[in-house]
Amino acid sequence: MTATDHAIRLTRLAAKAASDKLGSDPVAFDVSVPLAITDVFLIVSAGNERQVGAIVDGVEEALLKVGVKPTRREGDRENRWVLLDYLDFVVHVQHTEERTLYNLERLWKDCPQIPLHVDAPAPEAEAE
C-alpha cells in the first residue's frame, strides 16, 4: 500500500506553508508500508524556537483554510520539535539541532521520498 493522493496533496500544502514561513530542508517520506498509523511524515527545520512556532502556525492556518485540523499537537511548549498529527500525515517541525540529533531521515531512508514542489504555486487540496 502507498500513501493516498489526498495525504500527498495535503502534505504538499503543508510543505508550501512551512516554506512560506522560512522553514528549511523540507522532506517527506511515504511511511505507509512500515507504519499502519499514517501515510506520510513531513519533516521541516527551523533555526530557532520562535521560527518553529511560526512554521507550525503557518501550517495549521493553511490546512484550516481547506477544512483540515490536526487531531493532536505535541511539543509546542518548548518549540524545539513540534508534531502535528493529521492522521493521514504527520508534520514534524524541528529546531535544526533536534533534526541533526534525531536524524529522522536516517530512520526512514528506506521509505520512498515524496517530491514536494515547494517552489511551485500552492497545490489545491479538497476539504474533508
Protein backbone atom coordinates (compact mmCIF):
# COMPACT_ATOMS: atom_id res chain seq x y z
CA MET A 1 0.00 0.00 0.00
CA THR A 2 1.19 3.54 -0.70
CA ALA A 3 0.25 6.96 0.59
CA THR A 4 -3.10 8.22 -0.65
CA ASP A 5 -3.30 11.07 -3.15
CA HIS A 6 -5.25 13.02 -0.52
CA ALA A 7 -2.44 12.66 2.04
CA ILE A 8 0.17 13.65 -0.55
CA ARG A 9 -1.79 16.76 -1.61
CA LEU A 10 -2.21 17.89 1.99
CA THR A 11 1.45 17.16 2.74
CA ARG A 12 2.47 19.36 -0.20
CA LEU A 13 0.17 22.11 1.03
CA ALA A 14 1.75 21.86 4.50
CA ALA A 15 5.26 21.90 2.99
CA LYS A 16 4.44 25.01 0.98
CA ALA A 17 3.05 26.74 4.08
CA ALA A 18 6.19 25.80 6.04
CA SER A 19 8.40 27.10 3.24
CA ASP A 20 6.45 30.36 3.17
CA LYS A 21 7.35 30.79 6.87
CA LEU A 22 11.03 30.16 6.03
CA GLY A 23 11.06 26.51 7.05
CA SER A 24 14.14 24.86 5.60
CA ASP A 25 15.03 21.50 4.09
CA PRO A 26 11.50 20.07 3.85
CA VAL A 27 11.41 16.36 3.11
CA ALA A 28 8.50 13.92 3.04
CA PHE A 29 8.52 10.14 3.22
CA ASP A 30 5.80 7.65 2.33
CA VAL A 31 5.78 5.61 5.54
CA SER A 32 2.52 3.78 4.79
CA VAL A 33 4.17 0.37 4.38
CA PRO A 34 6.14 0.15 7.65
CA LEU A 35 3.58 2.16 9.68
CA ALA A 36 -0.11 1.38 9.81
CA ILE A 37 -0.89 4.60 11.71
CA THR A 38 -0.14 7.19 8.99
CA ASP A 39 0.81 7.56 5.32
CA VAL A 40 3.35 10.39 5.27
CA PHE A 41 5.95 12.04 7.50
CA LEU A 42 6.85 15.63 6.60
CA ILE A 43 10.00 16.99 8.26
CA VAL A 44 10.91 20.69 8.25
CA SER A 45 13.70 22.59 10.03
CA ALA A 46 13.76 25.96 11.75
CA GLY A 47 16.70 27.95 13.12
CA ASN A 48 15.14 28.93 16.45
CA GLU A 49 12.16 28.30 18.71
CA ARG A 50 10.23 31.35 17.52
CA GLN A 51 10.54 30.20 13.92
CA VAL A 52 9.38 26.69 14.87
CA GLY A 53 6.23 28.27 16.30
CA ALA A 54 5.69 30.45 13.23
CA ILE A 55 6.03 27.47 10.90
CA VAL A 56 3.61 25.40 12.97
CA ASP A 57 1.09 28.26 12.99
CA GLY A 58 1.50 28.73 9.23
CA VAL A 59 0.92 25.05 8.52
CA GLU A 60 -2.16 24.95 10.75
CA GLU A 61 -3.60 28.10 9.15
CA ALA A 62 -3.07 26.81 5.60
CA LEU A 63 -4.71 23.49 6.36
CA LEU A 64 -7.59 25.08 8.27
CA LYS A 65 -8.40 27.02 5.09
CA VAL A 66 -9.18 23.70 3.41
CA GLY A 67 -11.07 22.38 6.44
CA VAL A 68 -8.36 20.16 7.93
CA LYS A 69 -7.46 20.34 11.63
CA PRO A 70 -4.79 18.36 13.47
CA THR A 71 -6.04 15.65 15.78
CA ARG A 72 -3.02 16.16 18.01
CA ARG A 73 -0.31 18.78 18.58
CA GLU A 74 2.70 17.98 20.73
CA GLY A 75 5.87 19.79 21.75
CA ASP A 76 4.65 23.34 21.38
CA ARG A 77 5.58 24.28 24.93
CA GLU A 78 9.32 24.21 24.17
CA ASN A 79 9.06 24.74 20.38
CA ARG A 80 12.11 22.56 19.74
CA TRP A 81 10.24 19.75 17.99
CA VAL A 82 6.54 20.19 17.32
CA LEU A 83 4.48 17.35 15.92
CA LEU A 84 1.17 17.95 14.14
CA ASP A 85 -0.80 14.74 13.67
CA TYR A 86 -3.38 14.89 10.86
CA LEU A 87 -3.91 11.09 10.92
CA ASP A 88 -3.13 10.62 7.19
CA PHE A 89 0.12 12.54 7.57
CA VAL A 90 2.30 13.86 10.38
CA VAL A 91 4.25 17.13 10.28
CA HIS A 92 7.49 17.33 12.28
CA VAL A 93 8.83 20.86 12.68
CA GLN A 94 12.23 20.60 14.30
CA HIS A 95 14.83 23.05 15.52
CA THR A 96 17.94 22.36 13.40
CA GLU A 97 19.76 20.97 16.44
CA GLU A 98 16.97 18.43 17.09
CA ARG A 99 16.85 17.49 13.43
CA THR A 100 20.58 16.79 13.43
CA LEU A 101 20.42 14.88 16.72
CA TYR A 102 17.41 12.66 15.94
CA ASN A 103 18.05 12.38 12.19
CA LEU A 104 14.61 11.11 11.18
CA GLU A 105 15.78 10.93 7.56
CA ARG A 106 18.16 8.14 8.55
CA LEU A 107 15.35 6.23 10.25
CA TRP A 108 13.04 6.46 7.20
CA LYS A 109 15.66 6.34 4.42
CA ASP A 110 14.25 3.05 3.09
CA CYS A 111 10.84 4.64 2.52
CA PRO A 112 10.05 6.38 -0.77
CA GLN A 113 10.63 10.12 -0.71
CA ILE A 114 7.73 12.27 -1.93
CA PRO A 115 8.56 15.23 -4.20
CA LEU A 116 7.20 18.38 -2.56
CA HIS A 117 7.46 21.10 -5.25
CA VAL A 118 7.56 23.88 -2.63
CA ASP A 119 8.67 26.43 -5.22
CA ALA A 120 5.53 25.84 -7.28
CA PRO A 121 2.21 27.57 -6.58
CA ALA A 122 0.32 26.11 -3.62
CA PRO A 123 -1.42 22.85 -4.54
CA GLU A 124 -5.17 22.58 -4.42
CA ALA A 125 -6.48 20.34 -1.67
CA GLU A 126 -10.02 19.18 -1.22
CA ALA A 127 -11.71 19.88 2.08
CA GLU A 128 -12.74 16.98 4.23
